[in-house]
């Protein structure tokens, strides 16, 4: 497969920590340790994503994750992190699933050398 659908990747991650290597919009390669499904610190008054926003995530095949490195580098006590502190850190990122080179987690490892190649299970 050349790409992974965001819904498949979300299920693959299962809310657990995983690592990914992808090509950023500017062409740089980025390695990130991240997690999906973190909703503990989301504003309780938030109405969530609108239907239009959900459609855009699917259309552009984007996955929303929380970047663990941002949390680690903050130096804050992560057990007692308030929603305001988290908001100021801005740890949420969106990854383009079409630009993923490698994914490791949940007992699986998918890899490819370039965006032109097929994403395959690595040995």
Protein backbone atom coordinates (compact mmCIF):
# COMPACT_ATOMS: atom_id res chain seq x y z
CA UNK A 1 0.00 0.00 0.00
CA UNK A 2 1.26 3.48 -0.84
CA UNK A 3 -0.54 5.18 2.03
CA UNK A 4 -2.38 4.41 5.21
CA UNK A 5 -5.85 5.82 5.83
CA UNK A 6 -6.02 7.95 8.97
CA UNK A 7 -8.80 5.73 10.34
CA UNK A 8 -6.63 2.60 9.90
CA UNK A 9 -3.66 4.28 11.59
CA UNK A 10 -5.86 5.42 14.47
CA UNK A 11 -7.04 1.85 14.96
CA UNK A 12 -3.45 0.54 14.59
CA UNK A 13 -2.26 2.88 17.35
CA UNK A 14 -5.16 1.98 19.60
CA UNK A 15 -4.51 4.96 21.86
CA UNK A 16 -1.04 3.62 22.67
CA UNK A 17 2.32 5.27 22.13
CA UNK A 18 3.91 4.68 18.73
CA UNK A 19 6.71 6.17 16.67
CA UNK A 20 6.48 7.44 13.16
CA UNK A 21 8.88 8.81 10.58
CA UNK A 22 7.37 11.07 7.94
CA UNK A 23 8.16 13.79 5.42
CA UNK A 24 7.03 17.21 6.60
CA UNK A 25 5.35 19.70 4.30
CA UNK A 26 8.66 21.57 3.85
CA UNK A 27 10.47 18.34 2.81
CA UNK A 28 12.27 17.70 6.12
CA UNK A 29 12.11 14.23 7.61
CA UNK A 30 10.71 14.09 11.14
CA UNK A 31 10.66 11.27 13.66
CA UNK A 32 8.00 11.59 16.32
CA UNK A 33 6.92 9.54 19.30
CA UNK A 34 3.24 10.21 19.71
CA UNK A 35 -0.14 8.94 20.75
CA UNK A 36 -3.68 9.16 19.47
CA UNK A 37 -6.88 9.36 21.44
CA UNK A 38 -5.69 11.66 24.24
CA UNK A 39 -8.72 13.58 25.37
CA UNK A 40 -7.94 14.04 29.07
CA UNK A 41 -6.85 17.66 28.68
CA UNK A 42 -9.29 18.80 26.02
CA UNK A 43 -11.44 21.72 27.11
CA UNK A 44 -14.66 20.22 28.55
CA UNK A 45 -16.62 23.12 27.07
CA UNK A 46 -15.36 22.29 23.58
CA UNK A 47 -18.00 21.04 21.19
CA UNK A 48 -15.42 18.95 19.34
CA UNK A 49 -14.70 19.16 15.64
CA UNK A 50 -17.34 20.40 13.29
CA UNK A 51 -18.57 18.20 10.47
CA UNK A 52 -16.56 20.33 8.04
CA UNK A 53 -13.38 19.85 10.10
CA UNK A 54 -13.94 16.09 10.26
CA UNK A 55 -14.41 16.01 6.48
CA UNK A 56 -11.18 17.96 5.98
CA UNK A 57 -9.23 15.49 8.13
CA UNK A 58 -10.54 12.64 5.99
CA UNK A 59 -10.09 14.49 2.69
CA UNK A 60 -6.46 15.33 3.40
CA UNK A 61 -5.85 12.06 5.31
CA UNK A 62 -4.61 13.78 8.47
CA UNK A 63 -4.20 12.15 11.87
CA UNK A 64 -4.25 14.23 15.06
CA UNK A 65 -1.71 13.06 17.65
CA UNK A 66 -0.14 14.37 20.82
CA UNK A 67 3.67 14.77 20.56
CA UNK A 68 5.21 13.12 23.63
CA UNK A 69 8.51 14.99 23.26
CA UNK A 70 6.76 18.31 23.84
CA UNK A 71 5.39 17.00 27.13
CA UNK A 72 8.74 15.54 28.21
CA UNK A 73 10.67 18.71 27.36
CA UNK A 74 8.23 20.90 29.28
CA UNK A 75 9.70 19.90 32.65
CA UNK A 76 6.20 19.97 34.14
CA UNK A 77 4.78 17.25 36.36
CA UNK A 78 2.73 15.35 33.80
CA UNK A 79 0.62 13.67 36.49
CA UNK A 80 -0.74 17.00 37.70
CA UNK A 81 -0.82 18.85 34.39
CA UNK A 82 -3.75 21.25 34.14
CA UNK A 83 -5.64 21.84 30.92
CA UNK A 84 -4.29 25.43 30.85
CA UNK A 85 -0.68 24.20 31.11
CA UNK A 86 -1.26 21.68 28.33
CA UNK A 87 -2.92 24.30 26.17
CA UNK A 88 0.14 26.55 26.55
CA UNK A 89 2.46 23.69 25.47
CA UNK A 90 0.53 23.07 22.22
CA UNK A 91 1.52 19.38 21.93
CA UNK A 92 -1.12 18.43 19.37
CA UNK A 93 0.12 17.77 15.84
CA UNK A 94 -1.46 16.65 12.59
CA UNK A 95 0.42 14.09 10.51
CA UNK A 96 -0.28 13.59 6.83
CA UNK A 97 -0.75 9.82 6.56
CA UNK A 98 0.17 10.01 2.86
CA UNK A 99 3.69 11.14 3.78
CA UNK A 100 4.53 8.45 6.36
CA UNK A 101 7.77 6.54 5.78
CA UNK A 102 7.75 4.33 8.87
CA UNK A 103 5.46 3.37 11.74
CA UNK A 104 6.43 1.29 14.79
CA UNK A 105 4.08 0.32 17.55
CA UNK A 106 1.53 -2.10 18.88
CA UNK A 107 3.75 -5.01 17.77
CA UNK A 108 3.93 -3.91 14.12
CA UNK A 109 6.54 -2.18 11.98
CA UNK A 110 5.68 -0.75 8.55
CA UNK A 111 8.40 0.86 6.46
CA UNK A 112 9.32 2.30 3.07
CA UNK A 113 12.39 4.17 1.85
CA UNK A 114 10.60 6.86 -0.17
CA UNK A 115 7.09 8.16 -0.75
CA UNK A 116 7.07 6.48 -4.17
CA UNK A 117 7.43 3.01 -2.69
CA UNK A 118 4.81 0.75 -1.13
CA UNK A 119 4.50 0.74 2.66
CA UNK A 120 5.34 -2.82 3.75
CA UNK A 121 5.75 -4.78 6.94
CA UNK A 122 9.41 -4.61 7.97
CA UNK A 123 11.42 -7.54 9.28
